[in-house]
């Protein structure tokens, strides 16, 4: 995830990258090589990411952004693309944030998760976050997912509950939190 920032430490946008697993990739790209040249051009893959962007609007693009404890509503992606990286389909999209996010002195907290936990979302291991154009006083840390308390036993019904948009659901339990601080 790349975080676009201004000189005063406010965040203007989040650039999110999803690198999808091989099985899902093979399932969704079947039949997408329209010119039968053996490769998948970005133009051939564009309908996939376009559909994902449309379908995930009510789910806030599986992105939970908070300034302090207040939820921040990100904008609809204006730029997005799909491409192949070896045998994996990659979606990239940019979510704009309201001006003044976060207000001076507050941390920005970002989590990426599917409330239903049908899709597992994890940060890249090698370079999980970049702070683009961030002042020297800004940094990030990654807080591990809270997980379940030892005393909580899960039944199958816990995974079968219907997730609702803009809720934690099961996925929030397993989401890492990126905390961005300036100052």
C-alpha atoms as a PDB file:
ATOM      1  CA  UNK A   1       0.000   0.000   0.000  1.00  0.00           C
ATOM      2  CA  UNK A   2       1.329   3.419  -0.905  1.00  0.00           C
ATOM      3  CA  UNK A   3       0.193   6.443   1.077  1.00  0.00           C
ATOM      4  CA  UNK A   4       0.197   9.795  -0.757  1.00  0.00           C
ATOM      5  CA  UNK A   5       0.984  12.621   1.645  1.00  0.00           C
ATOM      6  CA  UNK A   6       1.522  16.365   1.592  1.00  0.00           C
ATOM      7  CA  UNK A   7       4.364  18.359   3.146  1.00  0.00           C
ATOM      8  CA  UNK A   8       2.267  19.033   6.262  1.00  0.00           C
ATOM      9  CA  UNK A   9       1.638  15.317   6.900  1.00  0.00           C
ATOM     10  CA  UNK A  10      -1.935  15.013   5.701  1.00  0.00           C
ATOM     11  CA  UNK A  11      -2.850  11.995   3.615  1.00  0.00           C
ATOM     12  CA  UNK A  12      -4.456  12.644   0.241  1.00  0.00           C
ATOM     13  CA  UNK A  13      -4.858   9.103  -1.090  1.00  0.00           C
ATOM     14  CA  UNK A  14      -4.211   5.425  -0.575  1.00  0.00           C
ATOM     15  CA  UNK A  15      -2.859   3.388  -3.467  1.00  0.00           C
ATOM     16  CA  UNK A  16      -3.936  -0.174  -2.866  1.00  0.00           C
ATOM     17  CA  UNK A  17      -2.467  -3.195  -4.653  1.00  0.00           C
ATOM     18  CA  UNK A  18      -4.084  -6.603  -4.552  1.00  0.00           C
ATOM     19  CA  UNK A  19      -1.965  -9.514  -5.782  1.00  0.00           C
ATOM     20  CA  UNK A  20      -4.494 -12.313  -6.217  1.00  0.00           C
ATOM     21  CA  UNK A  21      -3.627 -15.969  -5.682  1.00  0.00           C
ATOM     22  CA  UNK A  22      -2.908 -18.322  -8.565  1.00  0.00           C
ATOM     23  CA  UNK A  23      -6.126 -20.339  -8.282  1.00  0.00           C
ATOM     24  CA  UNK A  24      -8.377 -17.276  -8.298  1.00  0.00           C
ATOM     25  CA  UNK A  25      -6.317 -15.789 -11.121  1.00  0.00           C
ATOM     26  CA  UNK A  26      -6.714 -18.847 -13.333  1.00  0.00           C
ATOM     27  CA  UNK A  27     -10.441 -18.943 -12.639  1.00  0.00           C
ATOM     28  CA  UNK A  28     -11.196 -15.316 -13.538  1.00  0.00           C
ATOM     29  CA  UNK A  29      -8.836 -14.875 -16.508  1.00  0.00           C
ATOM     30  CA  UNK A  30     -10.224 -17.890 -18.366  1.00  0.00           C
ATOM     31  CA  UNK A  31     -11.466 -16.611 -21.699  1.00  0.00           C
ATOM     32  CA  UNK A  32     -10.069 -13.078 -21.236  1.00  0.00           C
ATOM     33  CA  UNK A  33      -7.321 -13.446 -23.901  1.00  0.00           C
ATOM     34  CA  UNK A  34      -9.582 -12.004 -26.581  1.00  0.00           C
ATOM     35  CA  UNK A  35      -6.922 -11.770 -29.293  1.00  0.00           C
ATOM     36  CA  UNK A  36      -5.634 -15.305 -28.521  1.00  0.00           C
ATOM     37  CA  UNK A  37      -2.004 -14.184 -28.443  1.00  0.00           C
ATOM     38  CA  UNK A  38      -1.205 -16.145 -25.277  1.00  0.00           C
ATOM     39  CA  UNK A  39      -0.833 -13.075 -23.068  1.00  0.00           C
ATOM     40  CA  UNK A  40      -3.274 -11.004 -21.081  1.00  0.00           C
ATOM     41  CA  UNK A  41      -3.033  -7.343 -21.988  1.00  0.00           C
ATOM     42  CA  UNK A  42      -4.181  -4.723 -19.464  1.00  0.00           C
ATOM     43  CA  UNK A  43      -7.004  -3.798 -21.845  1.00  0.00           C
ATOM     44  CA  UNK A  44      -8.239  -7.407 -21.810  1.00  0.00           C
ATOM     45  CA  UNK A  45      -8.099  -7.503 -17.991  1.00  0.00           C
ATOM     46  CA  UNK A  46      -9.676  -4.077 -17.461  1.00  0.00           C
ATOM     47  CA  UNK A  47     -13.272  -5.413 -17.281  1.00  0.00           C
ATOM     48  CA  UNK A  48     -12.260  -7.543 -14.271  1.00  0.00           C
ATOM     49  CA  UNK A  49     -10.942  -4.654 -12.181  1.00  0.00           C
ATOM     50  CA  UNK A  50     -13.778  -2.412 -13.339  1.00  0.00           C
ATOM     51  CA  UNK A  51     -16.329  -4.941 -12.095  1.00  0.00           C
ATOM     52  CA  UNK A  52     -14.450  -5.308  -8.795  1.00  0.00           C
ATOM     53  CA  UNK A  53     -14.445  -1.540  -8.266  1.00  0.00           C
ATOM     54  CA  UNK A  54     -18.181  -1.345  -8.948  1.00  0.00           C
ATOM     55  CA  UNK A  55     -19.044  -4.320  -6.733  1.00  0.00           C
ATOM     56  CA  UNK A  56     -16.894  -3.261  -3.784  1.00  0.00           C
ATOM     57  CA  UNK A  57     -18.142   0.312  -3.396  1.00  0.00           C
ATOM     58  CA  UNK A  58     -20.695  -0.645  -0.730  1.00  0.00           C
ATOM     59  CA  UNK A  59     -17.915  -2.578   1.049  1.00  0.00           C
ATOM     60  CA  UNK A  60     -15.601   0.480   1.074  1.00  0.00           C
ATOM     61  CA  UNK A  61     -13.190  -1.441  -1.159  1.00  0.00           C
ATOM     62  CA  UNK A  62     -12.324  -3.679   1.817  1.00  0.00           C
ATOM     63  CA  UNK A  63     -10.577  -0.654   3.319  1.00  0.00           C
ATOM     64  CA  UNK A  64     -11.186   0.680   6.834  1.00  0.00           C
ATOM     65  CA  UNK A  65      -9.636   4.128   7.392  1.00  0.00           C
ATOM     66  CA  UNK A  66      -9.838   5.933  10.714  1.00  0.00           C
ATOM     67  CA  UNK A  67      -8.571   9.284  11.900  1.00  0.00           C
ATOM     68  CA  UNK A  68      -8.266   8.756  15.615  1.00  0.00           C
ATOM     69  CA  UNK A  69     -11.437   6.748  16.250  1.00  0.00           C
ATOM     70  CA  UNK A  70     -13.527   8.425  13.530  1.00  0.00           C
ATOM     71  CA  UNK A  71     -14.160   6.472  10.322  1.00  0.00           C
ATOM     72  CA  UNK A  72     -12.991   8.281   7.198  1.00  0.00           C
ATOM     73  CA  UNK A  73     -14.932   7.670   3.999  1.00  0.00           C
ATOM     74  CA  UNK A  74     -12.633   7.248   1.033  1.00  0.00           C
ATOM     75  CA  UNK A  75     -13.676   8.319  -2.418  1.00  0.00           C
ATOM     76  CA  UNK A  76     -14.512   6.062  -5.333  1.00  0.00           C
ATOM     77  CA  UNK A  77     -11.390   4.974  -7.211  1.00  0.00           C
ATOM     78  CA  UNK A  78     -10.827   7.286 -10.142  1.00  0.00           C
ATOM     79  CA  UNK A  79      -7.816   5.346 -11.360  1.00  0.00           C
ATOM     80  CA  UNK A  80      -7.549   1.587 -11.390  1.00  0.00           C
ATOM     81  CA  UNK A  81      -5.903  -1.077 -13.484  1.00  0.00           C
ATOM     82  CA  UNK A  82      -5.329  -4.796 -13.780  1.00  0.00           C
ATOM     83  CA  UNK A  83      -2.262  -6.610 -15.075  1.00  0.00           C
ATOM     84  CA  UNK A  84      -0.478  -9.926 -14.805  1.00  0.00           C
ATOM     85  CA  UNK A  85       2.613 -10.398 -12.661  1.00  0.00           C
ATOM     86  CA  UNK A  86       3.912 -13.812 -13.667  1.00  0.00           C
ATOM     87  CA  UNK A  87       0.981 -16.158 -12.928  1.00  0.00           C
ATOM     88  CA  UNK A  88      -0.922 -13.788 -10.660  1.00  0.00           C
ATOM     89  CA  UNK A  89      -3.536 -11.169 -11.467  1.00  0.00           C
ATOM     90  CA  UNK A  90      -2.884  -7.789  -9.863  1.00  0.00           C
ATOM     91  CA  UNK A  91      -5.424  -5.025  -9.216  1.00  0.00           C
ATOM     92  CA  UNK A  92      -4.267  -1.510  -8.360  1.00  0.00           C
ATOM     93  CA  UNK A  93      -6.581   1.324  -7.418  1.00  0.00           C
ATOM     94  CA  UNK A  94      -6.316   4.716  -5.752  1.00  0.00           C
ATOM     95  CA  UNK A  95      -8.722   5.908  -3.063  1.00  0.00           C
ATOM     96  CA  UNK A  96      -8.760   9.651  -2.402  1.00  0.00           C
ATOM     97  CA  UNK A  97      -9.284  10.863   1.158  1.00  0.00           C
ATOM     98  CA  UNK A  98     -11.010  14.041   2.340  1.00  0.00           C
ATOM     99  CA  UNK A  99      -8.863  17.161   2.768  1.00  0.00           C
ATOM    100  CA  UNK A 100      -7.214  17.417   6.168  1.00  0.00           C
ATOM    101  CA  UNK A 101      -6.966  13.660   6.825  1.00  0.00           C
ATOM    102  CA  UNK A 102      -5.888  13.145   9.520  1.00  0.00           C
ATOM    103  CA  UNK A 103      -6.259  16.382  11.475  1.00  0.00           C
ATOM    104  CA  UNK A 104      -3.030  17.647  13.021  1.00  0.00           C
ATOM    105  CA  UNK A 105      -1.924  15.548  15.965  1.00  0.00           C
ATOM    106  CA  UNK A 106      -4.038  12.486  15.145  1.00  0.00           C
ATOM    107  CA  UNK A 107      -2.873   9.134  13.863  1.00  0.00           C
ATOM    108  CA  UNK A 108      -4.322   7.605  10.717  1.00  0.00           C
ATOM    109  CA  UNK A 109      -5.198   3.920  11.014  1.00  0.00           C
ATOM    110  CA  UNK A 110      -5.738   1.774   7.913  1.00  0.00           C
ATOM    111  CA  UNK A 111      -6.877  -1.836   7.716  1.00  0.00           C
ATOM    112  CA  UNK A 112      -7.532  -3.900   4.606  1.00  0.00           C
ATOM    113  CA  UNK A 113      -9.987  -6.761   5.061  1.00  0.00           C
ATOM    114  CA  UNK A 114     -13.056  -8.535   3.762  1.00  0.00           C
ATOM    115  CA  UNK A 115     -15.613  -8.590   6.607  1.00  0.00           C
ATOM    116  CA  UNK A 116     -16.758 -12.080   5.563  1.00  0.00           C
ATOM    117  CA  UNK A 117     -13.151 -13.330   5.576  1.00  0.00           C
ATOM    118  CA  UNK A 118     -13.950 -15.091   2.299  1.00  0.00           C
ATOM    119  CA  UNK A 119     -10.961 -13.212   0.904  1.00  0.00           C
ATOM    120  CA  UNK A 120      -7.841 -13.043   3.038  1.00  0.00           C
ATOM    121  CA  UNK A 121      -5.968  -9.747   2.581  1.00  0.00           C
ATOM    122  CA  UNK A 122      -2.396  -9.311   3.807  1.00  0.00           C
ATOM    123  CA  UNK A 123       0.200  -6.601   3.375  1.00  0.00           C
ATOM    124  CA  UNK A 124       3.218  -7.383   1.214  1.00  0.00           C
ATOM    125  CA  UNK A 125       6.016  -8.747   3.373  1.00  0.00           C
ATOM    126  CA  UNK A 126       9.003  -7.114   1.682  1.00  0.00           C
ATOM    127  CA  UNK A 127       7.678  -3.554   1.457  1.00  0.00           C
ATOM    128  CA  UNK A 128       4.241  -3.375   3.062  1.00  0.00           C
ATOM    129  CA  UNK A 129       3.819   0.422   3.087  1.00  0.00           C
ATOM    130  CA  UNK A 130       5.410   3.417   1.420  1.00  0.00           C
ATOM    131  CA  UNK A 131       4.820   6.990   2.556  1.00  0.00           C
ATOM    132  CA  UNK A 132       5.077   9.032  -0.646  1.00  0.00           C
ATOM    133  CA  UNK A 133       6.230  12.645  -0.199  1.00  0.00           C
ATOM    134  CA  UNK A 134       5.977  12.306   3.582  1.00  0.00           C
ATOM    135  CA  UNK A 135       7.755  14.797   5.826  1.00  0.00           C
ATOM    136  CA  UNK A 136      10.671  13.404   7.852  1.00  0.00           C
ATOM    137  CA  UNK A 137       8.545  13.488  11.010  1.00  0.00           C
ATOM    138  CA  UNK A 138       6.123  10.919   9.578  1.00  0.00           C
ATOM    139  CA  UNK A 139       6.441   7.179  10.011  1.00  0.00           C
ATOM    140  CA  UNK A 140       4.305   4.073  10.082  1.00  0.00           C
ATOM    141  CA  UNK A 141       4.099   0.963  12.165  1.00  0.00           C
ATOM    142  CA  UNK A 142       2.119  -2.208  11.662  1.00  0.00           C
ATOM    143  CA  UNK A 143       0.073  -3.522  14.543  1.00  0.00           C
ATOM    144  CA  UNK A 144      -0.646  -7.243  14.364  1.00  0.00           C
ATOM    145  CA  UNK A 145      -4.167  -8.513  13.983  1.00  0.00           C
ATOM    146  CA  UNK A 146      -5.921  -8.944  17.312  1.00  0.00           C
ATOM    147  CA  UNK A 147      -7.027 -12.494  16.510  1.00  0.00           C
ATOM    148  CA  UNK A 148      -9.200 -14.419  18.907  1.00  0.00           C
ATOM    149  CA  UNK A 149      -8.863 -14.631  22.639  1.00  0.00           C
ATOM    150  CA  UNK A 150      -7.733 -18.036  23.878  1.00  0.00           C
ATOM    151  CA  UNK A 151     -11.042 -18.644  25.586  1.00  0.00           C
ATOM    152  CA  UNK A 152     -13.085 -18.117  22.414  1.00  0.00           C
ATOM    153  CA  UNK A 153     -14.056 -21.287  20.627  1.00  0.00           C
ATOM    154  CA  UNK A 154     -15.247 -20.974  17.069  1.00  0.00           C
ATOM    155  CA  UNK A 155     -18.062 -22.977  15.695  1.00  0.00           C
ATOM    156  CA  UNK A 156     -18.831 -23.378  12.022  1.00  0.00           C
ATOM    157  CA  UNK A 157     -21.700 -20.917  12.465  1.00  0.00           C
ATOM    158  CA  UNK A 158     -19.187 -18.148  13.239  1.00  0.00           C
ATOM    159  CA  UNK A 159     -17.925 -18.431   9.662  1.00  0.00           C
ATOM    160  CA  UNK A 160     -21.376 -18.779   8.154  1.00  0.00           C
ATOM    161  CA  UNK A 161     -22.799 -15.494   9.437  1.00  0.00           C
ATOM    162  CA  UNK A 162     -23.616 -13.062   6.670  1.00  0.00           C
ATOM    163  CA  UNK A 163     -21.225 -10.103   6.733  1.00  0.00           C
ATOM    164  CA  UNK A 164     -22.619  -6.600   6.334  1.00  0.00           C
ATOM    165  CA  UNK A 165     -20.939  -3.649   4.600  1.00  0.00           C
ATOM    166  CA  UNK A 166     -18.905  -1.357   6.872  1.00  0.00           C
ATOM    167  CA  UNK A 167     -18.762  -3.860   9.725  1.00  0.00           C
ATOM    168  CA  UNK A 168     -15.860  -5.743  11.241  1.00  0.00           C
ATOM    169  CA  UNK A 169     -17.255  -9.180  10.562  1.00  0.00           C
ATOM    170  CA  UNK A 170     -14.882 -12.108  10.846  1.00  0.00           C
ATOM    171  CA  UNK A 171     -12.271 -10.435   8.611  1.00  0.00           C
ATOM    172  CA  UNK A 172     -11.645  -7.523  10.973  1.00  0.00           C
ATOM    173  CA  UNK A 173     -10.435  -9.977  13.582  1.00  0.00           C
ATOM    174  CA  UNK A 174      -7.535 -10.995  11.344  1.00  0.00           C
ATOM    175  CA  UNK A 175      -6.621  -7.583   9.851  1.00  0.00           C
ATOM    176  CA  UNK A 176      -3.298  -5.921  10.533  1.00  0.00           C
ATOM    177  CA  UNK A 177      -3.453  -2.193  11.203  1.00  0.00           C
ATOM    178  CA  UNK A 178      -1.155   0.326   9.551  1.00  0.00           C
ATOM    179  CA  UNK A 179      -0.742   3.303  11.885  1.00  0.00           C
ATOM    180  CA  UNK A 180       0.643   6.485  10.335  1.00  0.00           C
ATOM    181  CA  UNK A 181       1.966   9.152  12.674  1.00  0.00           C
ATOM    182  CA  UNK A 182       3.468  12.550  12.008  1.00  0.00           C
ATOM    183  CA  UNK A 183       5.105  14.628  14.686  1.00  0.00           C
END
